[in-house]
Amino acid sequence: MKVVFYGGPMIKRVYGAETVGKIGRLAGGDAVFCDAIPNDAEAVFTTWGMKPYTAEEIERGLPRLKYVFYGAGTVQSFARPFLLRGVRVFSAWQANGVPVAEFTVSQILLCGKRYFDVFTGAKGEVRGNYGLKVGIIGLGTIGKLVCRMLSEHKLDVYAYDKFLPDEAFAALGVKRAELDEIFKNCDIISNHLANNGETRGMINRELLFSMKPDAYFINTGRGAQVDHAALYDVMKEEPRRTALLDVTDPEPLPADHPLRTLANVIISPHIAGSLGDEVGRMGEYMCAEFERVVNGKTPLFEVTPKMLETMA
């Protein structure tokens, strides 16, 4: 099988030498890095920097292509034309979700200790993490991982997701709640909504202003889901509240944006996802997925057109 590695400057960090060697052995020959996908490629391993193709370009220029293995998270920018042409697409979204979930859970636990008040000057009531009410918005891959990690702590966790049945909430050990209930009642609120047109601006002024006066709002999802003007107003109105934003809209947030003037808004430069050596985990996931495909086993991370309607 003709296998190639194609992508941006991160490609050789995602697919290290050991992973590349294993993929080559599974393919029955050498796997090569290239600046463009050749027309005889049958499987492409890629990551951030994957060029979008039209269905016509795929049909004309990549007639033998069967598989795209994406060693990164969301495939929304390129997957549909490949799926339309019958090319199977796989993503390491679950691998990329691990560091995001770890980052989020760390922030939640620090919020329970009012740790960030040391830096923001906020004066919220210190209650600790025992029995603290935490709201998780969206139970996709990362939201579920966060809930599972939080299950090791004595927290009172509520979650919102309109697509999942009650059984899924019970399996995660969380309580189902509507968005307005979460914003009104939870001490810490963390956004993990899928990124699509329906969720844009979903975290609106009404929800934000219903937060407790010393609540924390965490966003490691997408900035476009939050009304930033309303977030500025709600944080300016009550300095005991705190916002921890790893994502913004636009991104990066302009230096003169009003949110940057508030001490109780902490903005990190989109570092929750895979960084440094963590990116190698995604290459390993795609190598393992390729091994399952080659051996006729059921893949774990295949993307379908239906999944694109709800996944991040």
Protein backbone atom coordinates (compact mmCIF):
# COMPACT_ATOMS: atom_id res chain seq x y z
CA MET A 1 0.00 0.00 0.00
CA LYS A 2 1.37 3.45 -0.94
CA VAL A 3 1.44 5.46 2.28
CA VAL A 4 2.55 9.10 2.55
CA PHE A 5 2.88 11.69 5.30
CA TYR A 6 1.66 15.13 4.38
CA GLY A 7 0.99 18.26 6.42
CA GLY A 8 2.42 21.38 7.96
CA PRO A 9 5.55 21.93 10.05
CA MET A 10 4.24 19.72 12.89
CA ILE A 11 4.07 16.56 10.77
CA LYS A 12 7.37 15.04 11.96
CA ARG A 13 6.60 15.81 15.59
CA VAL A 14 3.21 14.13 15.41
CA TYR A 15 4.64 11.12 13.57
CA GLY A 16 7.97 10.32 15.18
CA ALA A 17 10.52 7.89 13.78
CA GLU A 18 9.22 4.89 15.71
CA THR A 19 5.62 5.54 14.66
CA VAL A 20 6.62 6.10 11.02
CA GLY A 21 8.60 2.88 11.00
CA LYS A 22 5.67 0.88 12.35
CA ILE A 23 3.28 2.40 9.80
CA GLY A 24 5.71 1.54 7.02
CA ARG A 25 5.92 -2.07 8.16
CA LEU A 26 2.13 -2.32 8.35
CA ALA A 27 1.89 -0.91 4.81
CA GLY A 28 4.42 -3.40 3.53
CA GLY A 29 6.96 -0.84 2.39
CA ASP A 30 8.48 2.56 3.06
CA ALA A 31 6.27 5.43 4.20
CA VAL A 32 7.53 8.77 2.87
CA PHE A 33 7.05 12.43 3.71
CA CYS A 34 5.94 14.66 0.86
CA ASP A 35 5.07 18.30 0.15
CA ALA A 36 1.98 17.32 -1.87
CA ILE A 37 -0.15 14.18 -1.90
CA PRO A 38 0.87 12.12 -4.97
CA ASN A 39 -1.84 10.78 -7.25
CA ASP A 40 -0.95 7.18 -6.47
CA ALA A 41 -1.29 7.55 -2.69
CA GLU A 42 -3.60 5.05 -1.03
CA ALA A 43 -3.29 6.25 2.56
CA VAL A 44 -2.37 9.71 3.86
CA PHE A 45 -1.21 10.44 7.38
CA THR A 46 -1.58 14.13 8.13
CA THR A 47 -2.11 16.66 10.92
CA TRP A 48 -2.55 20.43 11.32
CA GLY A 49 -1.93 22.04 7.96
CA MET A 50 -4.00 19.55 5.97
CA LYS A 51 -5.07 21.29 2.78
CA PRO A 52 -8.82 21.23 2.01
CA TYR A 53 -9.69 19.48 -1.27
CA THR A 54 -12.86 19.69 -3.29
CA ALA A 55 -14.64 16.48 -4.26
CA GLU A 56 -13.65 17.14 -7.88
CA GLU A 57 -9.97 17.55 -6.96
CA ILE A 58 -10.06 14.28 -5.06
CA GLU A 59 -11.73 12.46 -7.95
CA ARG A 60 -9.28 13.79 -10.54
CA GLY A 61 -6.06 13.97 -8.58
CA LEU A 62 -6.30 11.26 -5.91
CA PRO A 63 -8.08 8.38 -7.63
CA ARG A 64 -6.47 5.62 -5.54
CA LEU A 65 -6.85 7.25 -2.15
CA LYS A 66 -8.71 5.09 0.39
CA TYR A 67 -7.80 6.50 3.79
CA VAL A 68 -6.97 9.78 5.51
CA PHE A 69 -5.55 9.49 9.04
CA TYR A 70 -5.64 12.88 10.77
CA GLY A 71 -3.25 13.12 13.70
CA ALA A 72 -5.02 16.08 15.30
CA GLY A 73 -8.52 17.01 16.47
CA THR A 74 -11.36 18.48 14.44
CA VAL A 75 -11.72 17.46 10.78
CA GLN A 76 -14.52 19.91 10.02
CA SER A 77 -12.40 21.98 7.62
CA PHE A 78 -11.62 19.20 5.15
CA ALA A 79 -13.45 15.89 5.81
CA ARG A 80 -16.73 16.25 3.92
CA PRO A 81 -15.40 16.13 0.32
CA PHE A 82 -13.29 13.08 1.15
CA LEU A 83 -16.24 11.29 2.69
CA LEU A 84 -18.35 12.26 -0.33
CA ARG A 85 -15.82 10.54 -2.59
CA GLY A 86 -15.83 7.38 -0.44
CA VAL A 87 -12.47 8.05 1.24
CA ARG A 88 -12.50 6.90 4.85
CA VAL A 89 -11.39 9.51 7.39
CA PHE A 90 -9.99 8.85 10.86
CA SER A 91 -9.14 11.42 13.52
CA ALA A 92 -7.12 11.46 16.73
CA TRP A 93 -9.69 13.70 18.36
CA GLN A 94 -9.76 11.53 21.48
CA ALA A 95 -5.98 11.70 21.85
CA ASN A 96 -6.09 15.48 21.43
CA GLY A 97 -8.88 15.60 23.99
CA VAL A 98 -6.76 14.10 26.77
CA PRO A 99 -4.57 17.17 27.48
CA VAL A 100 -7.59 19.48 27.13
CA ALA A 101 -9.46 17.46 29.74
CA GLU A 102 -6.42 17.38 32.03
CA PHE A 103 -6.02 21.15 31.68
CA THR A 104 -9.71 21.75 32.38
CA VAL A 105 -9.88 19.48 35.42
CA SER A 106 -6.77 21.15 36.83
CA GLN A 107 -8.45 24.54 36.46
CA ILE A 108 -11.69 23.31 38.03
CA LEU A 109 -9.90 21.98 41.11
CA LEU A 110 -7.88 25.17 41.47
CA CYS A 111 -11.08 27.20 41.15
CA GLY A 112 -12.54 25.24 44.05
CA LYS A 113 -9.64 26.45 46.18
CA ARG A 114 -10.16 30.03 44.89
CA TYR A 115 -6.54 29.81 43.74
CA PHE A 116 -6.97 32.35 40.96
CA ASP A 117 -8.25 34.95 43.43
CA VAL A 118 -4.62 35.39 44.48
CA PHE A 119 -3.90 36.86 41.06
CA THR A 120 -7.20 38.55 40.19
CA GLY A 121 -8.03 40.13 43.54
CA ALA A 122 -11.46 38.49 43.51
CA LYS A 123 -12.95 37.85 46.95
CA GLY A 124 -15.13 34.79 46.47
CA GLU A 125 -16.15 32.54 49.34
CA VAL A 126 -13.61 29.76 49.88
CA ARG A 127 -15.57 26.51 50.15
CA GLY A 128 -13.08 24.00 48.75
CA ASN A 129 -13.92 21.21 46.34
CA TYR A 130 -15.99 18.95 48.59
CA GLY A 131 -19.53 19.01 47.22
CA LEU A 132 -18.85 21.99 44.96
CA LYS A 133 -21.35 22.38 42.10
CA VAL A 134 -19.66 22.05 38.71
CA GLY A 135 -21.45 22.47 35.37
CA ILE A 136 -20.14 20.83 32.19
CA ILE A 137 -21.60 22.20 28.95
CA GLY A 138 -21.41 19.64 26.16
CA LEU A 139 -20.66 15.94 26.50
CA GLY A 140 -18.57 15.29 23.44
CA THR A 141 -15.22 13.56 23.70
CA ILE A 142 -13.64 16.18 25.95
CA GLY A 143 -16.73 16.82 28.07
CA LYS A 144 -17.01 13.11 28.79
CA LEU A 145 -13.32 12.85 29.64
CA VAL A 146 -13.65 15.77 32.05
CA CYS A 147 -16.61 14.09 33.76
CA ARG A 148 -14.73 10.81 34.11
CA MET A 149 -11.72 12.56 35.61
CA LEU A 150 -13.90 14.55 37.97
CA SER A 151 -15.53 11.34 39.21
CA GLU A 152 -12.44 10.77 41.34
CA HIS A 153 -13.30 13.86 43.36
CA LYS A 154 -16.24 14.56 45.66
CA LEU A 155 -17.93 17.12 43.44
CA ASP A 156 -21.57 17.67 42.53
CA VAL A 157 -21.41 17.57 38.72
CA TYR A 158 -24.19 18.69 36.37
CA ALA A 159 -24.05 18.48 32.58
CA TYR A 160 -25.90 19.78 29.54
CA ASP A 161 -26.09 17.97 26.22
CA LYS A 162 -29.24 17.87 24.15
CA PHE A 163 -28.17 14.89 22.04
CA LEU A 164 -27.43 12.25 24.67
CA PRO A 165 -30.00 10.02 26.40
CA ASP A 166 -30.41 9.95 30.17
CA GLU A 167 -28.49 6.67 30.32
CA ALA A 168 -25.33 8.39 29.11
CA PHE A 169 -25.50 10.92 31.96
CA ALA A 170 -26.03 8.12 34.48
CA ALA A 171 -23.05 6.19 33.10
CA LEU A 172 -20.85 9.23 33.64
CA GLY A 173 -22.20 9.77 37.15
CA VAL A 174 -23.45 13.29 36.41
CA LYS A 175 -26.86 14.95 36.68
CA ARG A 176 -28.67 16.17 33.59
CA ALA A 177 -29.47 19.89 33.63
CA GLU A 178 -30.53 22.63 31.26
CA LEU A 179 -28.19 25.49 30.39
CA ASP A 180 -30.07 28.03 32.49
CA GLU A 181 -29.93 25.73 35.52
CA ILE A 182 -26.19 25.28 35.18
CA PHE A 183 -25.46 28.99 34.91
CA LYS A 184 -27.77 29.85 37.77
CA ASN A 185 -26.73 27.16 40.24
CA CYS A 186 -23.15 26.05 39.56
CA ASP A 187 -20.04 27.44 41.21
CA ILE A 188 -17.82 26.52 38.25
CA ILE A 189 -19.00 26.32 34.64
CA SER A 190 -16.88 24.78 31.87
CA ASN A 191 -17.71 24.99 28.16
CA HIS A 192 -17.14 22.01 25.85
CA LEU A 193 -19.83 22.57 23.20
CA ALA A 194 -19.27 21.34 19.67
CA ASN A 195 -18.29 24.11 17.29
CA ASN A 196 -21.00 24.70 14.68
CA GLY A 197 -23.42 27.34 13.49
CA GLU A 198 -26.06 26.34 16.01
CA THR A 199 -23.76 26.88 18.99
CA ARG A 200 -22.29 30.21 17.88
CA GLY A 201 -23.20 32.82 20.52
CA MET A 202 -25.09 30.18 22.50
CA ILE A 203 -23.56 31.34 25.78
CA ASN A 204 -25.38 34.63 25.74
CA ARG A 205 -25.94 37.67 27.92
CA GLU A 206 -28.90 36.22 29.77
CA LEU A 207 -27.00 33.08 30.77
CA LEU A 208 -23.85 34.93 31.76
CA PHE A 209 -25.68 37.45 33.93
CA SER A 210 -27.47 34.63 35.76
CA MET A 211 -24.18 33.30 37.18
CA LYS A 212 -23.54 33.38 40.90
CA PRO A 213 -21.70 36.53 42.02
CA ASP A 214 -18.50 34.57 42.71
CA ALA A 215 -18.77 31.91 39.98
CA TYR A 216 -15.99 30.81 37.66
CA PHE A 217 -16.47 30.46 33.89
CA ILE A 218 -13.94 28.30 32.02
CA ASN A 219 -13.71 28.11 28.23
CA THR A 220 -11.44 25.53 26.62
CA GLY A 221 -14.01 24.86 23.86
CA ARG A 222 -14.41 27.56 21.24
CA GLY A 223 -14.51 31.32 21.63
CA ALA A 224 -17.31 31.82 19.08
CA GLN A 225 -19.81 30.17 21.41
CA VAL A 226 -19.53 33.04 23.93
CA ASP A 227 -20.91 36.58 23.65
CA HIS A 228 -17.67 38.39 24.51
CA ALA A 229 -19.33 41.79 24.92
CA ALA A 230 -21.72 40.30 27.47
CA LEU A 231 -18.85 38.46 29.19
CA TYR A 232 -17.02 41.77 29.56
CA ASP A 233 -20.09 43.40 31.08
CA VAL A 234 -20.77 40.56 33.51
CA MET A 235 -17.16 40.41 34.69
CA LYS A 236 -16.88 44.17 35.02
CA GLU A 237 -20.14 44.32 36.99
CA GLU A 238 -19.01 41.76 39.58
CA PRO A 239 -15.24 41.49 40.24
CA ARG A 240 -15.78 38.41 42.43
CA ARG A 241 -16.56 36.44 39.28
CA THR A 242 -13.67 35.06 37.25
CA ALA A 243 -13.33 33.97 33.63
CA LEU A 244 -10.55 31.63 32.49
CA LEU A 245 -10.34 31.77 28.71
CA ASP A 246 -8.02 29.52 26.73
CA VAL A 247 -9.99 30.29 23.55
CA THR A 248 -11.47 33.57 22.33
CA ASP A 249 -13.18 35.07 19.32
CA PRO A 250 -11.22 36.37 17.50
CA GLU A 251 -8.11 34.44 18.39
CA PRO A 252 -5.77 35.76 19.52
CA LEU A 253 -7.80 38.47 21.19
CA PRO A 254 -6.59 41.94 20.11
CA ALA A 255 -4.28 43.69 22.57
CA ASP A 256 -6.79 46.50 23.02
CA HIS A 257 -9.84 44.27 23.59
CA PRO A 258 -11.85 45.36 26.67
CA LEU A 259 -11.61 41.88 28.25
CA ARG A 260 -7.85 42.37 28.57
CA THR A 261 -8.43 45.33 30.88
CA LEU A 262 -10.19 43.25 33.56
CA ALA A 263 -8.17 41.70 36.37
CA ASN A 264 -10.75 38.93 36.85
CA VAL A 265 -10.36 37.67 33.26
CA ILE A 266 -7.35 35.39 32.73
CA ILE A 267 -6.54 34.67 29.07
CA SER A 268 -4.16 31.86 28.16
CA PRO A 269 -2.88 31.44 24.56
CA HIS A 270 -4.83 28.31 23.52
CA ILE A 271 -2.51 25.91 25.33
CA ALA A 272 -5.04 23.34 26.57
CA GLY A 273 -4.61 21.09 23.54
CA SER A 274 -1.59 18.96 22.67
CA LEU A 275 1.71 20.80 23.03
CA GLY A 276 5.33 19.76 22.71
CA ASP A 277 5.83 16.04 23.06
CA GLU A 278 2.10 15.56 23.71
CA VAL A 279 1.44 15.70 19.96
CA GLY A 280 3.14 12.33 19.54
CA ARG A 281 0.17 10.69 21.24
CA MET A 282 -1.98 11.59 18.23
CA GLY A 283 0.41 9.94 15.80
CA GLU A 284 0.39 6.80 17.94
CA TYR A 285 -3.43 6.77 17.93
CA MET A 286 -3.49 6.96 14.13
CA CYS A 287 -0.86 4.25 13.83
CA ALA A 288 -2.96 1.96 16.04
CA GLU A 289 -6.02 2.82 13.97
CA PHE A 290 -4.18 1.95 10.76
CA GLU A 291 -3.18 -1.37 12.29
CA ARG A 292 -6.82 -2.13 13.06
CA VAL A 293 -7.84 -1.29 9.48
CA VAL A 294 -5.04 -3.35 7.93
CA ASN A 295 -5.94 -6.34 10.11
CA GLY A 296 -9.67 -6.10 9.37
CA LYS A 297 -10.61 -5.06 12.88
CA THR A 298 -13.25 -2.50 13.82
CA PRO A 299 -11.74 1.02 13.90
CA LEU A 300 -12.27 3.19 16.95
CA PHE A 301 -11.87 6.69 15.53
CA GLU A 302 -13.51 6.70 12.10
CA VAL A 303 -15.43 9.87 11.19
CA THR A 304 -18.81 9.63 9.48
CA PRO A 305 -20.91 12.34 7.82
CA LYS A 306 -23.45 12.00 10.64
CA MET A 307 -20.78 12.64 13.26
CA LEU A 308 -19.81 15.91 11.59
CA GLU A 309 -23.23 17.31 12.52
CA THR A 310 -22.40 17.31 16.22
CA MET A 311 -18.68 16.81 16.77
CA ALA A 312 -16.36 19.72 17.50
